[in-house]
Amino acid sequence: MSDHVYKHIELTGSSTESIEAAVRNALAKASRTVRDMRWFEVTDTRGHIENGQVAHWQVTIKVGFTIS
């Protein structure tokens, strides 16, 4: 097993559907430019309310990726 060094970034994703979809949206967008993502940690969850209903979920995550 080789030793790894990780860098992490913070992202906030949103979705009208669910918390999981908000995470997936953030990861999908980041994967276009960030390579070798290995883990994520949910650090904050919040939402937007309209007419007494959840309109959007917002989830902040830390994403770790290996660096060379």
C-alpha atoms as a PDB file:
ATOM      1  CA  MET A   1       0.000   0.000   0.000  1.00  0.00           C
ATOM      2  CA  SER A   2       1.448   3.345  -0.974  1.00  0.00           C
ATOM      3  CA  ASP A   3       1.306   6.482   1.134  1.00  0.00           C
ATOM      4  CA  HIS A   4      -1.083   9.173  -0.057  1.00  0.00           C
ATOM      5  CA  VAL A   5      -1.260  12.910   0.401  1.00  0.00           C
ATOM      6  CA  TYR A   6      -4.703  14.466   0.190  1.00  0.00           C
ATOM      7  CA  LYS A   7      -5.891  17.971  -0.481  1.00  0.00           C
ATOM      8  CA  HIS A   8      -9.444  18.937   0.333  1.00  0.00           C
ATOM      9  CA  ILE A   9     -11.841  21.535  -0.976  1.00  0.00           C
ATOM     10  CA  GLU A  10     -15.229  22.698   0.197  1.00  0.00           C
ATOM     11  CA  LEU A  11     -18.253  22.616  -2.108  1.00  0.00           C
ATOM     12  CA  THR A  12     -21.931  23.450  -1.714  1.00  0.00           C
ATOM     13  CA  GLY A  13     -24.418  21.613  -3.899  1.00  0.00           C
ATOM     14  CA  SER A  14     -28.142  22.203  -4.188  1.00  0.00           C
ATOM     15  CA  SER A  15     -31.171  20.242  -5.331  1.00  0.00           C
ATOM     16  CA  THR A  16     -34.932  20.550  -5.322  1.00  0.00           C
ATOM     17  CA  GLU A  17     -35.160  16.773  -4.767  1.00  0.00           C
ATOM     18  CA  SER A  18     -33.071  15.695  -1.758  1.00  0.00           C
ATOM     19  CA  ILE A  19     -29.922  16.003   0.312  1.00  0.00           C
ATOM     20  CA  GLU A  20     -28.382  13.073  -1.562  1.00  0.00           C
ATOM     21  CA  ALA A  21     -29.094  14.719  -4.913  1.00  0.00           C
ATOM     22  CA  ALA A  22     -27.440  17.936  -3.685  1.00  0.00           C
ATOM     23  CA  VAL A  23     -24.285  15.968  -2.801  1.00  0.00           C
ATOM     24  CA  ARG A  24     -24.348  14.170  -6.148  1.00  0.00           C
ATOM     25  CA  ASN A  25     -24.759  17.477  -8.014  1.00  0.00           C
ATOM     26  CA  ALA A  26     -21.740  18.989  -6.250  1.00  0.00           C
ATOM     27  CA  LEU A  27     -19.583  15.924  -6.921  1.00  0.00           C
ATOM     28  CA  ALA A  28     -20.667  15.664 -10.567  1.00  0.00           C
ATOM     29  CA  LYS A  29     -19.810  19.295 -11.242  1.00  0.00           C
ATOM     30  CA  ALA A  30     -16.454  19.076  -9.423  1.00  0.00           C
ATOM     31  CA  SER A  31     -15.498  15.876 -11.243  1.00  0.00           C
ATOM     32  CA  ARG A  32     -15.291  17.869 -14.482  1.00  0.00           C
ATOM     33  CA  THR A  33     -12.090  19.538 -13.270  1.00  0.00           C
ATOM     34  CA  VAL A  34     -10.963  17.786 -10.058  1.00  0.00           C
ATOM     35  CA  ARG A  35      -9.287  14.428 -10.528  1.00  0.00           C
ATOM     36  CA  ASP A  36      -8.740  11.563  -8.093  1.00  0.00           C
ATOM     37  CA  MET A  37     -11.520  12.477  -5.648  1.00  0.00           C
ATOM     38  CA  ARG A  38     -11.527   9.839  -2.891  1.00  0.00           C
ATOM     39  CA  TRP A  39     -13.848  10.865  -0.057  1.00  0.00           C
ATOM     40  CA  PHE A  40     -16.387  13.419   1.073  1.00  0.00           C
ATOM     41  CA  GLU A  41     -17.725  14.597   4.418  1.00  0.00           C
ATOM     42  CA  VAL A  42     -21.007  16.446   4.876  1.00  0.00           C
ATOM     43  CA  THR A  43     -20.278  19.515   7.013  1.00  0.00           C
ATOM     44  CA  ASP A  44     -23.511  21.492   6.735  1.00  0.00           C
ATOM     45  CA  THR A  45     -27.085  20.966   5.593  1.00  0.00           C
ATOM     46  CA  ARG A  46     -29.657  23.673   5.081  1.00  0.00           C
ATOM     47  CA  GLY A  47     -32.645  24.440   2.929  1.00  0.00           C
ATOM     48  CA  HIS A  48     -34.673  27.151   1.288  1.00  0.00           C
ATOM     49  CA  ILE A  49     -38.371  27.468   2.123  1.00  0.00           C
ATOM     50  CA  GLU A  50     -41.114  28.749  -0.171  1.00  0.00           C
ATOM     51  CA  ASN A  51     -44.804  28.764   0.785  1.00  0.00           C
ATOM     52  CA  GLY A  52     -44.118  26.606   3.836  1.00  0.00           C
ATOM     53  CA  GLN A  53     -42.441  23.857   1.791  1.00  0.00           C
ATOM     54  CA  VAL A  54     -38.843  22.863   1.117  1.00  0.00           C
ATOM     55  CA  ALA A  55     -37.891  24.465  -2.189  1.00  0.00           C
ATOM     56  CA  HIS A  56     -34.168  23.589  -2.277  1.00  0.00           C
ATOM     57  CA  TRP A  57     -31.738  21.540  -0.249  1.00  0.00           C
ATOM     58  CA  GLN A  58     -28.209  22.917   0.149  1.00  0.00           C
ATOM     59  CA  VAL A  59     -25.410  20.663   1.365  1.00  0.00           C
ATOM     60  CA  THR A  60     -21.827  21.728   2.054  1.00  0.00           C
ATOM     61  CA  ILE A  61     -19.222  18.993   1.752  1.00  0.00           C
ATOM     62  CA  LYS A  62     -15.477  18.644   2.120  1.00  0.00           C
ATOM     63  CA  VAL A  63     -14.021  16.606  -0.725  1.00  0.00           C
ATOM     64  CA  GLY A  64     -10.620  14.961  -0.472  1.00  0.00           C
ATOM     65  CA  PHE A  65      -8.502  14.069  -3.471  1.00  0.00           C
ATOM     66  CA  THR A  66      -5.042  12.656  -3.880  1.00  0.00           C
ATOM     67  CA  ILE A  67      -2.234  14.827  -5.154  1.00  0.00           C
ATOM     68  CA  SER A  68       0.903  13.720  -6.949  1.00  0.00           C
END
